[in-house]
């Protein structure tokens, strides 16, 4: 039981020491870390913007193709209806 208490006490003491050290060091280190990560984060954002732009272009091109196919299908339907005569249109 005493062994568990000593281990627990050492763990708590270590945690407190690390917390105090981080509290002292963080205000000095964090600005340097932020400055170092800024170019990386900006590069990631630029990549995202370019990717979204390319995706929009691709989707617009795909929509145009779908619209063309749809218009061609409608035109073919109209041609088929015209070829079969007015009787077929009246039967519908």
C-alpha atoms as a PDB file:
ATOM      1  CA  UNK A   1       0.000   0.000   0.000  1.00  0.00           C
ATOM      2  CA  UNK A   2       2.843   2.363   0.804  1.00  0.00           C
ATOM      3  CA  UNK A   3       4.390   1.575  -2.572  1.00  0.00           C
ATOM      4  CA  UNK A   4       1.224   2.700  -4.334  1.00  0.00           C
ATOM      5  CA  UNK A   5       1.142   5.882  -2.247  1.00  0.00           C
ATOM      6  CA  UNK A   6       4.773   6.701  -3.101  1.00  0.00           C
ATOM      7  CA  UNK A   7       4.183   6.103  -6.806  1.00  0.00           C
ATOM      8  CA  UNK A   8       1.084   8.245  -6.732  1.00  0.00           C
ATOM      9  CA  UNK A   9       2.915  11.008  -4.881  1.00  0.00           C
ATOM     10  CA  UNK A  10       5.793  10.910  -7.401  1.00  0.00           C
ATOM     11  CA  UNK A  11       3.310  11.033 -10.297  1.00  0.00           C
ATOM     12  CA  UNK A  12       1.517  14.033  -8.820  1.00  0.00           C
ATOM     13  CA  UNK A  13       4.810  15.807  -8.085  1.00  0.00           C
ATOM     14  CA  UNK A  14       5.989  15.176 -11.657  1.00  0.00           C
ATOM     15  CA  UNK A  15       2.706  16.463 -13.085  1.00  0.00           C
ATOM     16  CA  UNK A  16       2.869  19.614 -10.980  1.00  0.00           C
ATOM     17  CA  UNK A  17       6.493  20.219 -11.994  1.00  0.00           C
ATOM     18  CA  UNK A  18       5.676  19.799 -15.693  1.00  0.00           C
ATOM     19  CA  UNK A  19       2.670  22.111 -15.344  1.00  0.00           C
ATOM     20  CA  UNK A  20       4.750  24.816 -13.659  1.00  0.00           C
ATOM     21  CA  UNK A  21       7.517  24.493 -16.248  1.00  0.00           C
ATOM     22  CA  UNK A  22       5.023  24.778 -19.118  1.00  0.00           C
ATOM     23  CA  UNK A  23       3.414  27.802 -17.487  1.00  0.00           C
ATOM     24  CA  UNK A  24       6.797  29.526 -17.351  1.00  0.00           C
ATOM     25  CA  UNK A  25       8.073  28.424 -20.771  1.00  0.00           C
ATOM     26  CA  UNK A  26       4.840  28.677 -22.815  1.00  0.00           C
ATOM     27  CA  UNK A  27       4.696  32.500 -23.081  1.00  0.00           C
ATOM     28  CA  UNK A  28       8.230  32.485 -24.494  1.00  0.00           C
ATOM     29  CA  UNK A  29       7.952  29.450 -26.756  1.00  0.00           C
ATOM     30  CA  UNK A  30       4.397  29.810 -28.123  1.00  0.00           C
ATOM     31  CA  UNK A  31       4.986  32.992 -30.171  1.00  0.00           C
ATOM     32  CA  UNK A  32       7.962  31.340 -31.854  1.00  0.00           C
ATOM     33  CA  UNK A  33       5.923  28.218 -32.583  1.00  0.00           C
ATOM     34  CA  UNK A  34       3.066  30.296 -33.991  1.00  0.00           C
ATOM     35  CA  UNK A  35       5.470  32.235 -36.226  1.00  0.00           C
ATOM     36  CA  UNK A  36       6.944  28.968 -37.441  1.00  0.00           C
ATOM     37  CA  UNK A  37       3.561  27.404 -38.193  1.00  0.00           C
ATOM     38  CA  UNK A  38       2.101  30.439 -39.942  1.00  0.00           C
ATOM     39  CA  UNK A  39       3.679  29.676 -43.364  1.00  0.00           C
ATOM     40  CA  UNK A  40       2.581  26.054 -43.100  1.00  0.00           C
ATOM     41  CA  UNK A  41      -1.002  26.972 -42.249  1.00  0.00           C
ATOM     42  CA  UNK A  42      -1.092  29.625 -44.982  1.00  0.00           C
ATOM     43  CA  UNK A  43       0.134  27.041 -47.488  1.00  0.00           C
ATOM     44  CA  UNK A  44      -2.625  24.653 -46.405  1.00  0.00           C
ATOM     45  CA  UNK A  45      -5.260  27.356 -46.836  1.00  0.00           C
ATOM     46  CA  UNK A  46      -3.925  28.256 -50.293  1.00  0.00           C
ATOM     47  CA  UNK A  47      -4.048  24.587 -51.289  1.00  0.00           C
ATOM     48  CA  UNK A  48      -7.659  24.423 -50.096  1.00  0.00           C
ATOM     49  CA  UNK A  49      -8.646  27.516 -52.073  1.00  0.00           C
ATOM     50  CA  UNK A  50      -7.061  26.183 -55.274  1.00  0.00           C
ATOM     51  CA  UNK A  51      -8.710  22.789 -54.755  1.00  0.00           C
ATOM     52  CA  UNK A  52     -12.145  24.363 -54.292  1.00  0.00           C
ATOM     53  CA  UNK A  53     -11.683  26.496 -57.425  1.00  0.00           C
ATOM     54  CA  UNK A  54     -10.741  23.424 -59.481  1.00  0.00           C
ATOM     55  CA  UNK A  55     -13.690  21.483 -58.074  1.00  0.00           C
ATOM     56  CA  UNK A  56     -16.084  24.299 -59.021  1.00  0.00           C
ATOM     57  CA  UNK A  57     -14.704  24.345 -62.567  1.00  0.00           C
ATOM     58  CA  UNK A  58     -15.019  20.576 -62.874  1.00  0.00           C
ATOM     59  CA  UNK A  59     -18.586  20.613 -61.552  1.00  0.00           C
ATOM     60  CA  UNK A  60     -19.525  23.414 -63.957  1.00  0.00           C
ATOM     61  CA  UNK A  61     -18.117  21.439 -66.894  1.00  0.00           C
ATOM     62  CA  UNK A  62     -19.960  18.313 -65.775  1.00  0.00           C
ATOM     63  CA  UNK A  63     -23.221  20.258 -65.428  1.00  0.00           C
ATOM     64  CA  UNK A  64     -22.773  21.579 -68.969  1.00  0.00           C
ATOM     65  CA  UNK A  65     -22.291  18.045 -70.317  1.00  0.00           C
ATOM     66  CA  UNK A  66     -25.390  16.819 -68.468  1.00  0.00           C
ATOM     67  CA  UNK A  67     -27.438  19.739 -69.801  1.00  0.00           C
ATOM     68  CA  UNK A  68     -26.255  18.965 -73.352  1.00  0.00           C
ATOM     69  CA  UNK A  69     -27.178  15.285 -73.031  1.00  0.00           C
ATOM     70  CA  UNK A  70     -30.568  16.199 -71.588  1.00  0.00           C
ATOM     71  CA  UNK A  71     -31.256  18.640 -74.426  1.00  0.00           C
ATOM     72  CA  UNK A  72     -30.216  16.036 -77.014  1.00  0.00           C
ATOM     73  CA  UNK A  73     -32.515  13.450 -75.421  1.00  0.00           C
ATOM     74  CA  UNK A  74     -35.441  15.897 -75.461  1.00  0.00           C
ATOM     75  CA  UNK A  75     -34.756  16.723 -79.109  1.00  0.00           C
ATOM     76  CA  UNK A  76     -34.701  13.029 -80.022  1.00  0.00           C
ATOM     77  CA  UNK A  77     -37.999  12.466 -78.215  1.00  0.00           C
ATOM     78  CA  UNK A  78     -39.572  15.349 -80.122  1.00  0.00           C
ATOM     79  CA  UNK A  79     -38.243  13.966 -83.428  1.00  0.00           C
ATOM     80  CA  UNK A  80     -39.633  10.521 -82.645  1.00  0.00           C
ATOM     81  CA  UNK A  81     -43.022  12.006 -81.776  1.00  0.00           C
ATOM     82  CA  UNK A  82     -43.045  14.022 -84.989  1.00  0.00           C
ATOM     83  CA  UNK A  83     -42.083  10.943 -87.023  1.00  0.00           C
ATOM     84  CA  UNK A  84     -44.867   8.781 -85.596  1.00  0.00           C
ATOM     85  CA  UNK A  85     -47.520  11.349 -86.403  1.00  0.00           C
ATOM     86  CA  UNK A  86     -50.265  13.083 -84.507  1.00  0.00           C
ATOM     87  CA  UNK A  87     -52.083   9.828 -83.676  1.00  0.00           C
ATOM     88  CA  UNK A  88     -49.324   8.749 -81.270  1.00  0.00           C
ATOM     89  CA  UNK A  89     -49.301  12.151 -79.586  1.00  0.00           C
ATOM     90  CA  UNK A  90     -53.120  12.018 -79.153  1.00  0.00           C
ATOM     91  CA  UNK A  91     -52.906   8.527 -77.655  1.00  0.00           C
ATOM     92  CA  UNK A  92     -50.648   9.756 -74.878  1.00  0.00           C
END
